[in-house]
Amino acid sequence: MSSYTSFLKSRLIKGFKEVIILKIISEGDVWGYNIVSKIKKRYGVKISPSIIYPILSELESKGMIKSRIEFVGRRRRKVYSITEEGLKLVEAYRNVLKAEIEGS
């Protein structure tokens, strides 16, 4: 089974970018580069910020996440947190996938 792990993680991130990003944000406030780093570490897939930022923008416009500006020294950083709607979407994905895998 472990021989498939890397392949499956790669396919998961390619097919479910939005929900993976939401799941990461649900674990605590993060910024764009932080999300890229977590995806690389967890899934072994390098995703370009040019892919991440439009997804973040779309999720924010749909009310799934919200952002705020923080300053780290002189650097400006946009920090994202998940909303109740975003948490509901993550849970819905989890339920659908679980039902499909278990054959319900």
N, C-alpha and C. Protein backbone atom coordinates (compact mmCIF):
# COMPACT_ATOMS: atom_id res chain seq x y z
N MET A 1 0.81 -1.19 0.00
CA MET A 1 0.00 0.00 0.00
C MET A 1 0.86 1.26 0.00
N SER A 2 1.95 1.27 0.75
CA SER A 2 2.78 2.46 0.84
C SER A 2 3.41 2.83 -0.50
N SER A 3 3.53 1.88 -1.41
CA SER A 3 4.09 2.21 -2.73
C SER A 3 3.16 3.13 -3.51
N TYR A 4 1.91 3.15 -3.14
CA TYR A 4 0.94 4.01 -3.81
C TYR A 4 0.79 5.38 -3.15
N THR A 5 1.31 5.53 -1.96
CA THR A 5 1.09 6.74 -1.18
C THR A 5 1.52 7.99 -1.92
N SER A 6 2.73 8.01 -2.44
CA SER A 6 3.23 9.19 -3.14
C SER A 6 2.37 9.52 -4.36
N PHE A 7 2.04 8.51 -5.13
CA PHE A 7 1.20 8.70 -6.31
C PHE A 7 -0.17 9.26 -5.92
N LEU A 8 -0.78 8.68 -4.90
CA LEU A 8 -2.12 9.11 -4.48
C LEU A 8 -2.11 10.53 -3.92
N LYS A 9 -1.09 10.88 -3.16
CA LYS A 9 -1.00 12.23 -2.63
C LYS A 9 -0.85 13.24 -3.76
N SER A 10 -0.07 12.91 -4.75
CA SER A 10 0.10 13.79 -5.91
C SER A 10 -1.22 13.97 -6.64
N ARG A 11 -1.95 12.89 -6.86
CA ARG A 11 -3.25 12.96 -7.55
C ARG A 11 -4.26 13.74 -6.72
N LEU A 12 -4.20 13.56 -5.40
CA LEU A 12 -5.13 14.25 -4.51
C LEU A 12 -4.98 15.76 -4.63
N ILE A 13 -3.76 16.24 -4.58
CA ILE A 13 -3.55 17.69 -4.65
C ILE A 13 -3.93 18.23 -6.02
N LYS A 14 -3.71 17.45 -7.08
CA LYS A 14 -4.06 17.92 -8.42
C LYS A 14 -5.57 18.00 -8.60
N GLY A 15 -6.30 17.07 -8.00
CA GLY A 15 -7.74 17.03 -8.20
C GLY A 15 -8.55 17.81 -7.19
N PHE A 16 -7.96 18.09 -6.04
CA PHE A 16 -8.71 18.72 -4.96
C PHE A 16 -7.97 19.91 -4.36
N LYS A 17 -7.42 20.75 -5.22
CA LYS A 17 -6.62 21.89 -4.72
C LYS A 17 -7.40 22.75 -3.74
N GLU A 18 -8.63 23.09 -4.10
CA GLU A 18 -9.41 24.00 -3.26
C GLU A 18 -9.63 23.44 -1.86
N VAL A 19 -10.06 22.19 -1.80
CA VAL A 19 -10.35 21.63 -0.48
C VAL A 19 -9.08 21.37 0.32
N ILE A 20 -7.98 21.04 -0.35
CA ILE A 20 -6.70 20.87 0.35
C ILE A 20 -6.28 22.21 0.95
N ILE A 21 -6.42 23.27 0.18
CA ILE A 21 -6.07 24.61 0.68
C ILE A 21 -6.98 24.97 1.86
N LEU A 22 -8.27 24.72 1.74
CA LEU A 22 -9.19 24.99 2.85
C LEU A 22 -8.82 24.19 4.09
N LYS A 23 -8.47 22.93 3.90
CA LYS A 23 -8.08 22.09 5.04
C LYS A 23 -6.85 22.65 5.74
N ILE A 24 -5.88 23.09 4.97
CA ILE A 24 -4.67 23.69 5.55
C ILE A 24 -5.03 24.95 6.33
N ILE A 25 -5.88 25.79 5.74
CA ILE A 25 -6.28 27.03 6.42
C ILE A 25 -7.08 26.71 7.69
N SER A 26 -7.85 25.63 7.66
CA SER A 26 -8.66 25.27 8.83
C SER A 26 -7.81 24.90 10.03
N GLU A 27 -6.56 24.55 9.80
CA GLU A 27 -5.65 24.16 10.87
C GLU A 27 -5.03 25.35 11.58
N GLY A 28 -5.21 26.54 11.04
CA GLY A 28 -4.67 27.76 11.64
C GLY A 28 -4.36 28.79 10.57
N ASP A 29 -4.29 30.02 10.97
CA ASP A 29 -4.05 31.11 10.03
C ASP A 29 -2.72 30.92 9.29
N VAL A 30 -2.77 31.15 7.99
CA VAL A 30 -1.61 30.97 7.12
C VAL A 30 -1.56 32.06 6.07
N TRP A 31 -0.43 32.18 5.41
CA TRP A 31 -0.26 33.09 4.29
C TRP A 31 0.09 32.27 3.06
N GLY A 32 0.08 32.87 1.90
CA GLY A 32 0.25 32.16 0.64
C GLY A 32 1.48 31.27 0.57
N TYR A 33 2.65 31.82 0.86
CA TYR A 33 3.87 31.01 0.77
C TYR A 33 3.84 29.87 1.77
N ASN A 34 3.24 30.10 2.93
CA ASN A 34 3.10 29.07 3.95
C ASN A 34 2.26 27.90 3.42
N ILE A 35 1.22 28.20 2.67
CA ILE A 35 0.38 27.15 2.07
C ILE A 35 1.20 26.35 1.06
N VAL A 36 1.95 27.04 0.21
CA VAL A 36 2.81 26.37 -0.78
C VAL A 36 3.77 25.42 -0.07
N SER A 37 4.38 25.88 1.01
CA SER A 37 5.34 25.06 1.77
C SER A 37 4.68 23.83 2.39
N LYS A 38 3.49 24.02 2.94
CA LYS A 38 2.78 22.89 3.58
C LYS A 38 2.36 21.85 2.54
N ILE A 39 1.93 22.29 1.38
CA ILE A 39 1.57 21.35 0.32
C ILE A 39 2.80 20.56 -0.12
N LYS A 40 3.91 21.22 -0.29
CA LYS A 40 5.15 20.55 -0.68
C LYS A 40 5.55 19.51 0.35
N LYS A 41 5.48 19.88 1.63
CA LYS A 41 5.88 18.98 2.71
C LYS A 41 4.93 17.78 2.82
N ARG A 42 3.64 18.02 2.77
CA ARG A 42 2.66 16.95 2.96
C ARG A 42 2.46 16.06 1.75
N TYR A 43 2.46 16.67 0.57
CA TYR A 43 2.08 15.94 -0.63
C TYR A 43 3.23 15.70 -1.60
N GLY A 44 4.38 16.32 -1.33
CA GLY A 44 5.53 16.14 -2.20
C GLY A 44 5.34 16.77 -3.56
N VAL A 45 4.45 17.74 -3.64
CA VAL A 45 4.14 18.41 -4.91
C VAL A 45 4.42 19.89 -4.75
N LYS A 46 5.19 20.43 -5.68
CA LYS A 46 5.46 21.87 -5.64
C LYS A 46 4.40 22.57 -6.48
N ILE A 47 3.66 23.44 -5.82
CA ILE A 47 2.62 24.21 -6.50
C ILE A 47 3.07 25.65 -6.55
N SER A 48 2.98 26.23 -7.69
CA SER A 48 3.39 27.61 -7.89
C SER A 48 2.44 28.58 -7.19
N PRO A 49 2.99 29.66 -6.62
CA PRO A 49 2.11 30.69 -6.07
C PRO A 49 1.11 31.22 -7.11
N SER A 50 1.48 31.16 -8.39
CA SER A 50 0.56 31.63 -9.44
C SER A 50 -0.67 30.74 -9.56
N ILE A 51 -0.64 29.56 -8.97
CA ILE A 51 -1.82 28.69 -8.90
C ILE A 51 -2.55 28.94 -7.59
N ILE A 52 -1.82 29.09 -6.51
CA ILE A 52 -2.41 29.24 -5.18
C ILE A 52 -3.21 30.55 -5.04
N TYR A 53 -2.60 31.67 -5.45
CA TYR A 53 -3.24 32.97 -5.19
C TYR A 53 -4.59 33.16 -5.89
N PRO A 54 -4.77 32.73 -7.12
CA PRO A 54 -6.12 32.84 -7.71
C PRO A 54 -7.15 31.98 -6.97
N ILE A 55 -6.74 30.81 -6.48
CA ILE A 55 -7.65 29.97 -5.71
C ILE A 55 -8.02 30.67 -4.40
N LEU A 56 -7.04 31.25 -3.73
CA LEU A 56 -7.32 31.99 -2.51
C LEU A 56 -8.28 33.14 -2.76
N SER A 57 -8.07 33.85 -3.86
CA SER A 57 -8.95 34.96 -4.21
C SER A 57 -10.38 34.47 -4.45
N GLU A 58 -10.51 33.37 -5.16
CA GLU A 58 -11.84 32.80 -5.42
C GLU A 58 -12.51 32.33 -4.13
N LEU A 59 -11.76 31.64 -3.29
CA LEU A 59 -12.32 31.17 -2.02
C LEU A 59 -12.77 32.34 -1.14
N GLU A 60 -12.00 33.42 -1.18
CA GLU A 60 -12.38 34.59 -0.39
C GLU A 60 -13.63 35.25 -0.96
N SER A 61 -13.71 35.35 -2.28
CA SER A 61 -14.90 35.98 -2.89
C SER A 61 -16.16 35.15 -2.65
N LYS A 62 -16.00 33.84 -2.44
CA LYS A 62 -17.15 32.96 -2.16
C LYS A 62 -17.46 32.88 -0.66
N GLY A 63 -16.67 33.58 0.16
CA GLY A 63 -16.92 33.59 1.60
C GLY A 63 -16.42 32.38 2.34
N MET A 64 -15.55 31.60 1.73
CA MET A 64 -15.01 30.39 2.37
C MET A 64 -13.84 30.72 3.29
N ILE A 65 -13.13 31.78 2.97
CA ILE A 65 -12.01 32.25 3.79
C ILE A 65 -12.09 33.76 3.90
N LYS A 66 -11.34 34.30 4.84
CA LYS A 66 -11.21 35.75 4.94
C LYS A 66 -9.73 36.06 5.14
N SER A 67 -9.37 37.30 4.85
CA SER A 67 -7.96 37.66 4.97
C SER A 67 -7.80 38.95 5.75
N ARG A 68 -6.60 39.13 6.25
CA ARG A 68 -6.23 40.36 6.92
C ARG A 68 -4.76 40.63 6.59
N ILE A 69 -4.37 41.86 6.70
CA ILE A 69 -2.99 42.25 6.43
C ILE A 69 -2.22 42.32 7.75
N GLU A 70 -1.07 41.69 7.76
CA GLU A 70 -0.16 41.77 8.90
C GLU A 70 1.18 42.26 8.39
N PHE A 71 1.90 42.93 9.26
CA PHE A 71 3.25 43.38 8.91
C PHE A 71 4.26 42.59 9.73
N VAL A 72 5.25 42.06 9.02
CA VAL A 72 6.35 41.36 9.65
C VAL A 72 7.57 42.20 9.33
N GLY A 73 8.00 42.96 10.34
CA GLY A 73 9.02 43.96 10.05
C GLY A 73 8.42 44.99 9.11
N ARG A 74 9.04 45.16 7.97
CA ARG A 74 8.52 46.10 6.97
C ARG A 74 7.74 45.37 5.87
N ARG A 75 7.69 44.04 5.96
CA ARG A 75 6.98 43.25 4.95
C ARG A 75 5.50 43.16 5.27
N ARG A 76 4.73 43.29 4.24
CA ARG A 76 3.28 43.16 4.33
C ARG A 76 2.92 41.72 3.97
N ARG A 77 2.08 41.10 4.77
CA ARG A 77 1.69 39.72 4.53
C ARG A 77 0.17 39.60 4.65
N LYS A 78 -0.44 38.93 3.68
CA LYS A 78 -1.88 38.68 3.72
C LYS A 78 -2.08 37.32 4.39
N VAL A 79 -2.77 37.33 5.51
CA VAL A 79 -2.99 36.12 6.30
C VAL A 79 -4.44 35.67 6.13
N TYR A 80 -4.61 34.38 5.91
CA TYR A 80 -5.93 33.81 5.64
C TYR A 80 -6.41 32.97 6.81
N SER A 81 -7.72 33.05 7.04
CA SER A 81 -8.37 32.19 8.02
C SER A 81 -9.66 31.66 7.40
N ILE A 82 -10.12 30.54 7.91
CA ILE A 82 -11.31 29.90 7.33
C ILE A 82 -12.56 30.45 8.01
N THR A 83 -13.64 30.49 7.26
CA THR A 83 -14.93 30.91 7.79
C THR A 83 -15.78 29.68 8.12
N GLU A 84 -16.93 29.90 8.72
CA GLU A 84 -17.86 28.80 8.99
C GLU A 84 -18.27 28.10 7.70
N GLU A 85 -18.50 28.87 6.64
CA GLU A 85 -18.87 28.28 5.35
C GLU A 85 -17.74 27.42 4.81
N GLY A 86 -16.52 27.86 4.98
CA GLY A 86 -15.37 27.08 4.54
C GLY A 86 -15.26 25.76 5.30
N LEU A 87 -15.49 25.83 6.61
CA LEU A 87 -15.47 24.61 7.43
C LEU A 87 -16.57 23.64 6.99
N LYS A 88 -17.73 24.18 6.65
CA LYS A 88 -18.84 23.33 6.18
C LYS A 88 -18.47 22.65 4.87
N LEU A 89 -17.78 23.37 3.98
CA LEU A 89 -17.38 22.78 2.71
C LEU A 89 -16.35 21.66 2.92
N VAL A 90 -15.39 21.87 3.79
CA VAL A 90 -14.39 20.82 4.09
C VAL A 90 -15.11 19.58 4.62
N GLU A 91 -16.05 19.78 5.53
CA GLU A 91 -16.80 18.65 6.09
C GLU A 91 -17.63 17.95 5.02
N ALA A 92 -18.23 18.71 4.11
CA ALA A 92 -19.02 18.12 3.02
C ALA A 92 -18.13 17.26 2.12
N TYR A 93 -16.95 17.77 1.77
CA TYR A 93 -16.00 16.98 0.97
C TYR A 93 -15.65 15.68 1.71
N ARG A 94 -15.35 15.81 2.99
CA ARG A 94 -14.98 14.64 3.79
C ARG A 94 -16.10 13.60 3.77
N ASN A 95 -17.33 14.03 3.95
CA ASN A 95 -18.47 13.11 3.97
C ASN A 95 -18.69 12.42 2.64
N VAL A 96 -18.59 13.19 1.56
CA VAL A 96 -18.78 12.62 0.22
C VAL A 96 -17.69 11.60 -0.10
N LEU A 97 -16.45 11.96 0.14
CA LEU A 97 -15.35 11.04 -0.14
C LEU A 97 -15.43 9.78 0.72
N LYS A 98 -15.75 9.96 2.00
CA LYS A 98 -15.87 8.81 2.89
C LYS A 98 -16.98 7.89 2.40
N ALA A 99 -18.12 8.45 2.04
CA ALA A 99 -19.24 7.63 1.54
C ALA A 99 -18.86 6.88 0.27
N GLU A 100 -18.13 7.54 -0.62
CA GLU A 100 -17.71 6.89 -1.86
C GLU A 100 -16.74 5.75 -1.61
N ILE A 101 -15.81 5.98 -0.71
CA ILE A 101 -14.81 4.96 -0.41
C ILE A 101 -15.44 3.77 0.31
N GLU A 102 -16.35 4.07 1.21
CA GLU A 102 -17.00 3.00 1.97
C GLU A 102 -18.16 2.36 1.21
N GLY A 103 -18.53 2.95 0.09
CA GLY A 103 -19.59 2.37 -0.74
C GLY A 103 -20.99 2.66 -0.25
N SER A 104 -21.14 3.73 0.51
CA SER A 104 -22.48 4.08 1.02
C SER A 104 -23.29 4.86 0.01
